[in-house]
Structure formats: structure tokens, C-alpha cells
Amino acid sequence: MIITGGENVYSLEVENVLVAHPAVASAAVIGLPHEQWGEQVHAVVVVAPGESVTAEEVIAHCRARIAVFKAPRSVEFRDALPVSAAGKILKAELRAELR
């Protein structure tokens, strides 16, 4: 869970909206430190093969489907997400890389 400006944001809810975009193959959502809000919602996105999408398009897609405070404020694109042997996304590893 991410706490931004006193509001609770569940990463799974945002991830479900992200992967509903046709150009997004997979995504992970984590909280990054923010001076004013405590944490900010940050999305790490893997683009589907043969597709292209911008950070602005991803954010607009989310804002049209969930509350504005839940939408990512920043988006990072990667070729792959770190996963465990069981196929679970390793969010702790992402947080460690980005903080």
C-alpha cells in the first residue's frame, strides 16, 4: 500500500488499470518518497512487443479510470521486471533500485 497525501493507494488496483492499456504487457506500482505528500505513485511498465506508448499516455489512461491521486505521477519503462522463480514481481528490488 502507498500512502500519498493521507490517502491509501493499493498498488494492485493501479496495476490492473495499467495492464488494461493495450500497449502495456506488465506493470508494477511502488511508492517513491515525496517531500510534500509522503509518497508518490510510480509505475514501472513493460511495453508489449510491437507497441509504443508515452508516459503521458499511461498517466492519462489511469486518470480516466481511477481517482487522480491514485494515478501514477511518474512512469519508467523497462524491458523486463524483476521476478522470483515463482513468477512474482519483486517490488522490494524495484524500490531498492529507485530510492
PDB file of N, CA and C in Angstrom:
ATOM      1  N   MET A   1       0.839  -1.175   0.000  1.00  0.00           N
ATOM      2  CA  MET A   1       0.000   0.000   0.000  1.00  0.00           C
ATOM      3  C   MET A   1       0.889   1.246   0.000  1.00  0.00           C
ATOM      4  N   ILE A   2       0.447   2.238  -0.740  1.00  0.00           N
ATOM      5  CA  ILE A   2       1.150   3.513  -0.841  1.00  0.00           C
ATOM      6  C   ILE A   2       0.286   4.556  -0.145  1.00  0.00           C
ATOM      7  N   ILE A   3       0.892   5.380   0.692  1.00  0.00           N
ATOM      8  CA  ILE A   3       0.148   6.449   1.356  1.00  0.00           C
ATOM      9  C   ILE A   3       0.631   7.776   0.780  1.00  0.00           C
ATOM     10  N   THR A   4      -0.258   8.430   0.043  1.00  0.00           N
ATOM     11  CA  THR A   4       0.088   9.700  -0.598  1.00  0.00           C
ATOM     12  C   THR A   4      -0.903  10.770  -0.152  1.00  0.00           C
ATOM     13  N   GLY A   5      -0.392  11.786   0.496  1.00  0.00           N
ATOM     14  CA  GLY A   5      -1.247  12.867   0.967  1.00  0.00           C
ATOM     15  C   GLY A   5      -2.320  12.394   1.926  1.00  0.00           C
ATOM     16  N   GLY A   6      -2.040  11.352   2.701  1.00  0.00           N
ATOM     17  CA  GLY A   6      -3.004  10.831   3.650  1.00  0.00           C
ATOM     18  C   GLY A   6      -4.011   9.859   3.049  1.00  0.00           C
ATOM     19  N   GLU A   7      -3.927   9.607   1.760  1.00  0.00           N
ATOM     20  CA  GLU A   7      -4.834   8.676   1.078  1.00  0.00           C
ATOM     21  C   GLU A   7      -4.131   7.353   0.832  1.00  0.00           C
ATOM     22  N   ASN A   8      -4.869   6.262   0.974  1.00  0.00           N
ATOM     23  CA  ASN A   8      -4.328   4.933   0.714  1.00  0.00           C
ATOM     24  C   ASN A   8      -4.511   4.570  -0.750  1.00  0.00           C
ATOM     25  N   VAL A   9      -3.433   4.110  -1.370  1.00  0.00           N
ATOM     26  CA  VAL A   9      -3.476   3.664  -2.757  1.00  0.00           C
ATOM     27  C   VAL A   9      -2.964   2.228  -2.777  1.00  0.00           C
ATOM     28  N   TYR A  10      -3.803   1.325  -3.269  1.00  0.00           N
ATOM     29  CA  TYR A  10      -3.403  -0.081  -3.368  1.00  0.00           C
ATOM     30  C   TYR A  10      -2.780  -0.308  -4.732  1.00  0.00           C
ATOM     31  N   SER A  11      -1.541  -0.775  -4.724  1.00  0.00           N
ATOM     32  CA  SER A  11      -0.795  -0.923  -5.971  1.00  0.00           C
ATOM     33  C   SER A  11      -1.488  -1.860  -6.952  1.00  0.00           C
ATOM     34  N   LEU A  12      -2.139  -2.898  -6.468  1.00  0.00           N
ATOM     35  CA  LEU A  12      -2.810  -3.848  -7.355  1.00  0.00           C
ATOM     36  C   LEU A  12      -3.911  -3.172  -8.166  1.00  0.00           C
ATOM     37  N   GLU A  13      -4.644  -2.255  -7.554  1.00  0.00           N
ATOM     38  CA  GLU A  13      -5.700  -1.532  -8.270  1.00  0.00           C
ATOM     39  C   GLU A  13      -5.118  -0.735  -9.440  1.00  0.00           C
ATOM     40  N   VAL A  14      -4.024  -0.051  -9.195  1.00  0.00           N
ATOM     41  CA  VAL A  14      -3.390   0.759 -10.243  1.00  0.00           C
ATOM     42  C   VAL A  14      -2.774  -0.154 -11.305  1.00  0.00           C
ATOM     43  N   GLU A  15      -2.156  -1.245 -10.893  1.00  0.00           N
ATOM     44  CA  GLU A  15      -1.559  -2.188 -11.843  1.00  0.00           C
ATOM     45  C   GLU A  15      -2.620  -2.785 -12.771  1.00  0.00           C
ATOM     46  N   ASN A  16      -3.802  -3.081 -12.230  1.00  0.00           N
ATOM     47  CA  ASN A  16      -4.881  -3.619 -13.066  1.00  0.00           C
ATOM     48  C   ASN A  16      -5.308  -2.625 -14.135  1.00  0.00           C
ATOM     49  N   VAL A  17      -5.342  -1.353 -13.791  1.00  0.00           N
ATOM     50  CA  VAL A  17      -5.685  -0.316 -14.766  1.00  0.00           C
ATOM     51  C   VAL A  17      -4.574  -0.196 -15.810  1.00  0.00           C
ATOM     52  N   LEU A  18      -3.334  -0.261 -15.375  1.00  0.00           N
ATOM     53  CA  LEU A  18      -2.203  -0.143 -16.301  1.00  0.00           C
ATOM     54  C   LEU A  18      -2.199  -1.263 -17.330  1.00  0.00           C
ATOM     55  N   VAL A  19      -2.368  -2.509 -16.893  1.00  0.00           N
ATOM     56  CA  VAL A  19      -2.309  -3.625 -17.834  1.00  0.00           C
ATOM     57  C   VAL A  19      -3.538  -3.699 -18.728  1.00  0.00           C
ATOM     58  N   ALA A  20      -4.567  -2.919 -18.423  1.00  0.00           N
ATOM     59  CA  ALA A  20      -5.735  -2.834 -19.305  1.00  0.00           C
ATOM     60  C   ALA A  20      -5.425  -2.010 -20.557  1.00  0.00           C
ATOM     61  N   HIS A  21      -4.339  -1.247 -20.522  1.00  0.00           N
ATOM     62  CA  HIS A  21      -3.920  -0.472 -21.706  1.00  0.00           C
ATOM     63  C   HIS A  21      -3.359  -1.457 -22.728  1.00  0.00           C
ATOM     64  N   PRO A  22      -3.762  -1.352 -23.980  1.00  0.00           N
ATOM     65  CA  PRO A  22      -3.313  -2.330 -24.979  1.00  0.00           C
ATOM     66  C   PRO A  22      -1.811  -2.354 -25.232  1.00  0.00           C
ATOM     67  N   ALA A  23      -1.095  -1.289 -24.920  1.00  0.00           N
ATOM     68  CA  ALA A  23       0.344  -1.249 -25.174  1.00  0.00           C
ATOM     69  C   ALA A  23       1.168  -1.709 -23.979  1.00  0.00           C
ATOM     70  N   VAL A  24       0.516  -2.034 -22.868  1.00  0.00           N
ATOM     71  CA  VAL A  24       1.236  -2.419 -21.651  1.00  0.00           C
ATOM     72  C   VAL A  24       1.182  -3.936 -21.471  1.00  0.00           C
ATOM     73  N   ALA A  25       2.353  -4.564 -21.442  1.00  0.00           N
ATOM     74  CA  ALA A  25       2.437  -6.015 -21.244  1.00  0.00           C
ATOM     75  C   ALA A  25       2.370  -6.361 -19.761  1.00  0.00           C
ATOM     76  N   SER A  26       3.111  -5.625 -18.941  1.00  0.00           N
ATOM     77  CA  SER A  26       3.077  -5.836 -17.495  1.00  0.00           C
ATOM     78  C   SER A  26       3.495  -4.546 -16.803  1.00  0.00           C
ATOM     79  N   ALA A  27       3.161  -4.476 -15.508  1.00  0.00           N
ATOM     80  CA  ALA A  27       3.458  -3.254 -14.765  1.00  0.00           C
ATOM     81  C   ALA A  27       3.563  -3.555 -13.283  1.00  0.00           C
ATOM     82  N   ALA A  28       4.329  -2.722 -12.606  1.00  0.00           N
ATOM     83  CA  ALA A  28       4.432  -2.765 -11.150  1.00  0.00           C
ATOM     84  C   ALA A  28       4.303  -1.335 -10.645  1.00  0.00           C
ATOM     85  N   VAL A  29       3.645  -1.167  -9.512  1.00  0.00           N
ATOM     86  CA  VAL A  29       3.445   0.166  -8.936  1.00  0.00           C
ATOM     87  C   VAL A  29       4.045   0.169  -7.539  1.00  0.00           C
ATOM     88  N   ILE A  30       4.870   1.167  -7.280  1.00  0.00           N
ATOM     89  CA  ILE A  30       5.508   1.318  -5.967  1.00  0.00           C
ATOM     90  C   ILE A  30       5.393   2.769  -5.523  1.00  0.00           C
ATOM     91  N   GLY A  31       5.666   3.000  -4.274  1.00  0.00           N
ATOM     92  CA  GLY A  31       5.693   4.359  -3.745  1.00  0.00           C
ATOM     93  C   GLY A  31       7.118   4.865  -3.662  1.00  0.00           C
ATOM     94  N   LEU A  32       7.318   6.076  -4.148  1.00  0.00           N
ATOM     95  CA  LEU A  32       8.619   6.731  -4.030  1.00  0.00           C
ATOM     96  C   LEU A  32       8.485   7.904  -3.069  1.00  0.00           C
ATOM     97  N   PRO A  33       9.543   8.226  -2.331  1.00  0.00           N
ATOM     98  CA  PRO A  33       9.473   9.345  -1.388  1.00  0.00           C
ATOM     99  C   PRO A  33       9.106  10.657  -2.096  1.00  0.00           C
ATOM    100  N   HIS A  34       8.266  11.447  -1.427  1.00  0.00           N
ATOM    101  CA  HIS A  34       7.866  12.753  -1.941  1.00  0.00           C
ATOM    102  C   HIS A  34       7.823  13.713  -0.758  1.00  0.00           C
ATOM    103  N   GLU A  35       8.458  14.869  -0.898  1.00  0.00           N
ATOM    104  CA  GLU A  35       8.568  15.823   0.211  1.00  0.00           C
ATOM    105  C   GLU A  35       7.219  16.275   0.738  1.00  0.00           C
ATOM    106  N   GLN A  36       6.299  16.603  -0.152  1.00  0.00           N
ATOM    107  CA  GLN A  36       5.016  17.162   0.268  1.00  0.00           C
ATOM    108  C   GLN A  36       3.979  16.091   0.623  1.00  0.00           C
ATOM    109  N   TRP A  37       3.914  15.012  -0.139  1.00  0.00           N
ATOM    110  CA  TRP A  37       2.842  14.028   0.004  1.00  0.00           C
ATOM    111  C   TRP A  37       3.249  12.775   0.771  1.00  0.00           C
ATOM    112  N   GLY A  38       4.492  12.646   1.158  1.00  0.00           N
ATOM    113  CA  GLY A  38       4.950  11.435   1.845  1.00  0.00           C
ATOM    114  C   GLY A  38       5.479  10.428   0.839  1.00  0.00           C
ATOM    115  N   GLU A  39       4.592   9.971  -0.043  1.00  0.00           N
ATOM    116  CA  GLU A  39       4.981   9.081  -1.129  1.00  0.00           C
ATOM    117  C   GLU A  39       4.244   9.506  -2.391  1.00  0.00           C
ATOM    118  N   GLN A  40       4.822   9.165  -3.526  1.00  0.00           N
ATOM    119  CA  GLN A  40       4.142   9.391  -4.797  1.00  0.00           C
ATOM    120  C   GLN A  40       4.023   8.049  -5.515  1.00  0.00           C
ATOM    121  N   VAL A  41       2.969   7.913  -6.294  1.00  0.00           N
ATOM    122  CA  VAL A  41       2.739   6.675  -7.035  1.00  0.00           C
ATOM    123  C   VAL A  41       3.654   6.667  -8.261  1.00  0.00           C
ATOM    124  N   HIS A  42       4.438   5.600  -8.393  1.00  0.00           N
ATOM    125  CA  HIS A  42       5.380   5.452  -9.502  1.00  0.00           C
ATOM    126  C   HIS A  42       5.114   4.120 -10.187  1.00  0.00           C
ATOM    127  N   ALA A  43       4.981   4.154 -11.514  1.00  0.00           N
ATOM    128  CA  ALA A  43       4.720   2.941 -12.285  1.00  0.00           C
ATOM    129  C   ALA A  43       5.968   2.525 -13.057  1.00  0.00           C
ATOM    130  N   VAL A  44       6.249   1.236 -13.038  1.00  0.00           N
ATOM    131  CA  VAL A  44       7.311   0.654 -13.847  1.00  0.00           C
ATOM    132  C   VAL A  44       6.586  -0.232 -14.865  1.00  0.00           C
ATOM    133  N   VAL A  45       6.758   0.100 -16.145  1.00  0.00           N
ATOM    134  CA  VAL A  45       5.957  -0.505 -17.203  1.00  0.00           C
ATOM    135  C   VAL A  45       6.833  -1.233 -18.220  1.00  0.00           C
ATOM    136  N   VAL A  46       6.352  -2.409 -18.647  1.00  0.00           N
ATOM    137  CA  VAL A  46       6.960  -3.141 -19.755  1.00  0.00           C
ATOM    138  C   VAL A  46       5.988  -3.020 -20.923  1.00  0.00           C
ATOM    139  N   VAL A  47       6.463  -2.456 -22.023  1.00  0.00           N
ATOM    140  CA  VAL A  47       5.619  -2.244 -23.203  1.00  0.00           C
ATOM    141  C   VAL A  47       5.512  -3.548 -23.988  1.00  0.00           C
ATOM    142  N   ALA A  48       4.315  -3.825 -24.481  1.00  0.00           N
ATOM    143  CA  ALA A  48       4.066  -5.029 -25.266  1.00  0.00           C
ATOM    144  C   ALA A  48       4.876  -4.976 -26.566  1.00  0.00           C
ATOM    145  N   PRO A  49       5.321  -6.130 -27.059  1.00  0.00           N
ATOM    146  CA  PRO A  49       6.095  -6.167 -28.312  1.00  0.00           C
ATOM    147  C   PRO A  49       5.312  -5.537 -29.470  1.00  0.00           C
ATOM    148  N   GLY A  50       6.001  -4.687 -30.228  1.00  0.00           N
ATOM    149  CA  GLY A  50       5.391  -4.041 -31.378  1.00  0.00           C
ATOM    150  C   GLY A  50       4.519  -2.845 -31.045  1.00  0.00           C
ATOM    151  N   GLU A  51       4.426  -2.484 -29.780  1.00  0.00           N
ATOM    152  CA  GLU A  51       3.605  -1.350 -29.342  1.00  0.00           C
ATOM    153  C   GLU A  51       4.505  -0.207 -28.885  1.00  0.00           C
ATOM    154  N   SER A  52       3.916   0.965 -28.786  1.00  0.00           N
ATOM    155  CA  SER A  52       4.630   2.105 -28.210  1.00  0.00           C
ATOM    156  C   SER A  52       3.631   2.945 -27.433  1.00  0.00           C
ATOM    157  N   VAL A  53       4.117   3.552 -26.373  1.00  0.00           N
ATOM    158  CA  VAL A  53       3.282   4.379 -25.519  1.00  0.00           C
ATOM    159  C   VAL A  53       4.195   5.348 -24.770  1.00  0.00           C
ATOM    160  N   THR A  54       3.683   6.525 -24.469  1.00  0.00           N
ATOM    161  CA  THR A  54       4.458   7.514 -23.717  1.00  0.00           C
ATOM    162  C   THR A  54       3.987   7.526 -22.265  1.00  0.00           C
ATOM    163  N   ALA A  55       4.806   8.115 -21.417  1.00  0.00           N
ATOM    164  CA  ALA A  55       4.442   8.243 -20.005  1.00  0.00           C
ATOM    165  C   ALA A  55       3.161   9.054 -19.857  1.00  0.00           C
ATOM    166  N   GLU A  56       3.020  10.096 -20.659  1.00  0.00           N
ATOM    167  CA  GLU A  56       1.826  10.940 -20.597  1.00  0.00           C
ATOM    168  C   GLU A  56       0.576  10.151 -20.962  1.00  0.00           C
ATOM    169  N   GLU A  57       0.672   9.273 -21.948  1.00  0.00           N
ATOM    170  CA  GLU A  57      -0.471   8.445 -22.344  1.00  0.00           C
ATOM    171  C   GLU A  57      -0.850   7.463 -21.236  1.00  0.00           C
ATOM    172  N   VAL A  58       0.153   6.894 -20.588  1.00  0.00           N
ATOM    173  CA  VAL A  58      -0.097   5.956 -19.492  1.00  0.00           C
ATOM    174  C   VAL A  58      -0.788   6.670 -18.333  1.00  0.00           C
ATOM    175  N   ILE A  59      -0.300   7.839 -17.967  1.00  0.00           N
ATOM    176  CA  ILE A  59      -0.894   8.608 -16.870  1.00  0.00           C
ATOM    177  C   ILE A  59      -2.320   9.024 -17.224  1.00  0.00           C
ATOM    178  N   ALA A  60      -2.546   9.484 -18.445  1.00  0.00           N
ATOM    179  CA  ALA A  60      -3.889   9.881 -18.876  1.00  0.00           C
ATOM    180  C   ALA A  60      -4.849   8.694 -18.851  1.00  0.00           C
ATOM    181  N   HIS A  61      -4.376   7.540 -19.268  1.00  0.00           N
ATOM    182  CA  HIS A  61      -5.176   6.314 -19.243  1.00  0.00           C
ATOM    183  C   HIS A  61      -5.638   6.021 -17.811  1.00  0.00           C
ATOM    184  N   CYS A  62      -4.731   6.133 -16.863  1.00  0.00           N
ATOM    185  CA  CYS A  62      -5.065   5.876 -15.461  1.00  0.00           C
ATOM    186  C   CYS A  62      -6.020   6.926 -14.907  1.00  0.00           C
ATOM    187  N   ARG A  63      -5.750   8.184 -15.185  1.00  0.00           N
ATOM    188  CA  ARG A  63      -6.588   9.265 -14.655  1.00  0.00           C
ATOM    189  C   ARG A  63      -8.023   9.191 -15.165  1.00  0.00           C
ATOM    190  N   ALA A  64      -8.213   8.611 -16.340  1.00  0.00           N
ATOM    191  CA  ALA A  64      -9.557   8.468 -16.889  1.00  0.00           C
ATOM    192  C   ALA A  64     -10.326   7.328 -16.218  1.00  0.00           C
ATOM    193  N   ARG A  65      -9.628   6.452 -15.499  1.00  0.00           N
ATOM    194  CA  ARG A  65     -10.258   5.252 -14.950  1.00  0.00           C
ATOM    195  C   ARG A  65     -10.264   5.145 -13.431  1.00  0.00           C
ATOM    196  N   ILE A  66      -9.356   5.864 -12.772  1.00  0.00           N
ATOM    197  CA  ILE A  66      -9.309   5.839 -11.306  1.00  0.00           C
ATOM    198  C   ILE A  66      -9.126   7.265 -10.803  1.00  0.00           C
ATOM    199  N   ALA A  67      -9.257   7.445  -9.496  1.00  0.00           N
ATOM    200  CA  ALA A  67      -9.089   8.770  -8.900  1.00  0.00           C
ATOM    201  C   ALA A  67      -7.715   9.349  -9.234  1.00  0.00           C
ATOM    202  N   VAL A  68      -7.664  10.648  -9.399  1.00  0.00           N
ATOM    203  CA  VAL A  68      -6.433  11.324  -9.798  1.00  0.00           C
ATOM    204  C   VAL A  68      -5.286  11.037  -8.828  1.00  0.00           C
ATOM    205  N   PHE A  69      -5.565  10.996  -7.519  1.00  0.00           N
ATOM    206  CA  PHE A  69      -4.487  10.766  -6.553  1.00  0.00           C
ATOM    207  C   PHE A  69      -3.926   9.350  -6.637  1.00  0.00           C
ATOM    208  N   LYS A  70      -4.672   8.425  -7.251  1.00  0.00           N
ATOM    209  CA  LYS A  70      -4.196   7.048  -7.407  1.00  0.00           C
ATOM    210  C   LYS A  70      -3.361   6.857  -8.664  1.00  0.00           C
ATOM    211  N   ALA A  71      -3.530   7.736  -9.629  1.00  0.00           N
ATOM    212  CA  ALA A  71      -2.803   7.618 -10.898  1.00  0.00           C
ATOM    213  C   ALA A  71      -1.320   7.880 -10.680  1.00  0.00           C
ATOM    214  N   PRO A  72      -0.465   7.193 -11.423  1.00  0.00           N
ATOM    215  CA  PRO A  72       0.979   7.423 -11.283  1.00  0.00           C
ATOM    216  C   PRO A  72       1.347   8.872 -11.597  1.00  0.00           C
ATOM    217  N   ARG A  73       2.273   9.406 -10.832  1.00  0.00           N
ATOM    218  CA  ARG A  73       2.822  10.735 -11.121  1.00  0.00           C
ATOM    219  C   ARG A  73       4.064  10.618 -11.997  1.00  0.00           C
ATOM    220  N   SER A  74       4.648   9.422 -12.006  1.00  0.00           N
ATOM    221  CA  SER A  74       5.823   9.185 -12.837  1.00  0.00           C
ATOM    222  C   SER A  74       5.765   7.761 -13.377  1.00  0.00           C
ATOM    223  N   VAL A  75       6.355   7.582 -14.555  1.00  0.00           N
ATOM    224  CA  VAL A  75       6.357   6.288 -15.230  1.00  0.00           C
ATOM    225  C   VAL A  75       7.760   6.007 -15.732  1.00  0.00           C
ATOM    226  N   GLU A  76       8.197   4.790 -15.528  1.00  0.00           N
ATOM    227  CA  GLU A  76       9.501   4.341 -16.022  1.00  0.00           C
ATOM    228  C   GLU A  76       9.260   3.126 -16.913  1.00  0.00           C
ATOM    229  N   PHE A  77       9.940   3.084 -18.041  1.00  0.00           N
ATOM    230  CA  PHE A  77       9.803   1.964 -18.962  1.00  0.00           C
ATOM    231  C   PHE A  77      11.022   1.065 -18.858  1.00  0.00           C
ATOM    232  N   ARG A  78      10.769  -0.251 -18.837  1.00  0.00           N
ATOM    233  CA  ARG A  78      11.842  -1.244 -18.773  1.00  0.00           C
ATOM    234  C   ARG A  78      11.560  -2.353 -19.767  1.00  0.00           C
ATOM    235  N   ASP A  79      12.610  -3.112 -20.070  1.00  0.00           N
ATOM    236  CA  ASP A  79      12.451  -4.265 -20.954  1.00  0.00           C
ATOM    237  C   ASP A  79      11.817  -5.438 -20.217  1.00  0.00           C
ATOM    238  N   ALA A  80      12.055  -5.523 -18.900  1.00  0.00           N
ATOM    239  CA  ALA A  80      11.506  -6.614 -18.092  1.00  0.00           C
ATOM    240  C   ALA A  80      11.474  -6.172 -16.628  1.00  0.00           C
ATOM    241  N   LEU A  81      10.593  -6.803 -15.869  1.00  0.00           N
ATOM    242  CA  LEU A  81      10.514  -6.560 -14.432  1.00  0.00           C
ATOM    243  C   LEU A  81      11.237  -7.691 -13.705  1.00  0.00           C
ATOM    244  N   PRO A  82      11.844  -7.393 -12.552  1.00  0.00           N
ATOM    245  CA  PRO A  82      12.484  -8.474 -11.792  1.00  0.00           C
ATOM    246  C   PRO A  82      11.415  -9.396 -11.211  1.00  0.00           C
ATOM    247  N   VAL A  83      11.572 -10.693 -11.438  1.00  0.00           N
ATOM    248  CA  VAL A  83      10.590 -11.657 -10.937  1.00  0.00           C
ATOM    249  C   VAL A  83      11.295 -12.786 -10.177  1.00  0.00           C
ATOM    250  N   SER A  84      10.547 -13.381  -9.261  1.00  0.00           N
ATOM    251  CA  SER A  84      11.068 -14.519  -8.500  1.00  0.00           C
ATOM    252  C   SER A  84      10.949 -15.782  -9.346  1.00  0.00           C
ATOM    253  N   ALA A  85      11.456 -16.883  -8.823  1.00  0.00           N
ATOM    254  CA  ALA A  85      11.360 -18.167  -9.524  1.00  0.00           C
ATOM    255  C   ALA A  85       9.902 -18.579  -9.716  1.00  0.00           C
ATOM    256  N   ALA A  86       9.025 -18.083  -8.833  1.00  0.00           N
ATOM    257  CA  ALA A  86       7.593 -18.394  -8.929  1.00  0.00           C
ATOM    258  C   ALA A  86       6.861 -17.445  -9.868  1.00  0.00           C
ATOM    259  N   GLY A  87       7.573 -16.454 -10.421  1.00  0.00           N
ATOM    260  CA  GLY A  87       6.964 -15.514 -11.357  1.00  0.00           C
ATOM    261  C   GLY A  87       6.362 -14.277 -10.719  1.00  0.00           C
ATOM    262  N   LYS A  88       6.586 -14.088  -9.417  1.00  0.00           N
ATOM    263  CA  LYS A  88       6.068 -12.908  -8.715  1.00  0.00           C
ATOM    264  C   LYS A  88       7.009 -11.727  -8.923  1.00  0.00           C
ATOM    265  N   ILE A  89       6.445 -10.551  -9.187  1.00  0.00           N
ATOM    266  CA  ILE A  89       7.252  -9.345  -9.372  1.00  0.00           C
ATOM    267  C   ILE A  89       7.893  -8.968  -8.038  1.00  0.00           C
ATOM    268  N   LEU A  90       9.183  -8.721  -8.075  1.00  0.00           N
ATOM    269  CA  LEU A  90       9.949  -8.385  -6.866  1.00  0.00           C
ATOM    270  C   LEU A  90       9.957  -6.864  -6.664  1.00  0.00           C
ATOM    271  N   LYS A  91       8.901  -6.364  -6.031  1.00  0.00           N
ATOM    272  CA  LYS A  91       8.766  -4.923  -5.816  1.00  0.00           C
ATOM    273  C   LYS A  91       9.829  -4.379  -4.870  1.00  0.00           C
ATOM    274  N   ALA A  92      10.250  -5.179  -3.911  1.00  0.00           N
ATOM    275  CA  ALA A  92      11.303  -4.726  -2.986  1.00  0.00           C
ATOM    276  C   ALA A  92      12.587  -4.430  -3.750  1.00  0.00           C
ATOM    277  N   GLU A  93      12.861  -5.219  -4.756  1.00  0.00           N
ATOM    278  CA  GLU A  93      14.042  -4.991  -5.591  1.00  0.00           C
ATOM    279  C   GLU A  93      13.897  -3.689  -6.394  1.00  0.00           C
ATOM    280  N   LEU A  94      12.701  -3.443  -6.914  1.00  0.00           N
ATOM    281  CA  LEU A  94      12.452  -2.187  -7.633  1.00  0.00           C
ATOM    282  C   LEU A  94      12.625  -0.987  -6.706  1.00  0.00           C
ATOM    283  N   ARG A  95      12.058  -1.080  -5.502  1.00  0.00           N
ATOM    284  CA  ARG A  95      12.170   0.018  -4.537  1.00  0.00           C
ATOM    285  C   ARG A  95      13.630   0.299  -4.195  1.00  0.00           C
ATOM    286  N   ALA A  96      14.402  -0.754  -3.994  1.00  0.00           N
ATOM    287  CA  ALA A  96      15.818  -0.594  -3.652  1.00  0.00           C
ATOM    288  C   ALA A  96      16.586   0.082  -4.776  1.00  0.00           C
ATOM    289  N   GLU A  97      16.260  -0.232  -6.013  1.00  0.00           N
ATOM    290  CA  GLU A  97      16.932   0.377  -7.166  1.00  0.00           C
ATOM    291  C   GLU A  97      16.587   1.855  -7.320  1.00  0.00           C
ATOM    292  N   LEU A  98      15.351   2.215  -6.989  1.00  0.00           N
ATOM    293  CA  LEU A  98      14.862   3.554  -7.280  1.00  0.00           C
ATOM    294  C   LEU A  98      14.952   4.537  -6.135  1.00  0.00           C
ATOM    295  N   ARG A  99      15.217   4.079  -4.933  1.00  0.00           N
ATOM    296  CA  ARG A  99      15.262   5.014  -3.797  1.00  0.00           C
ATOM    297  C   ARG A  99      16.627   5.552  -3.592  1.00  0.00           C
TER     298      ARG A  99
END
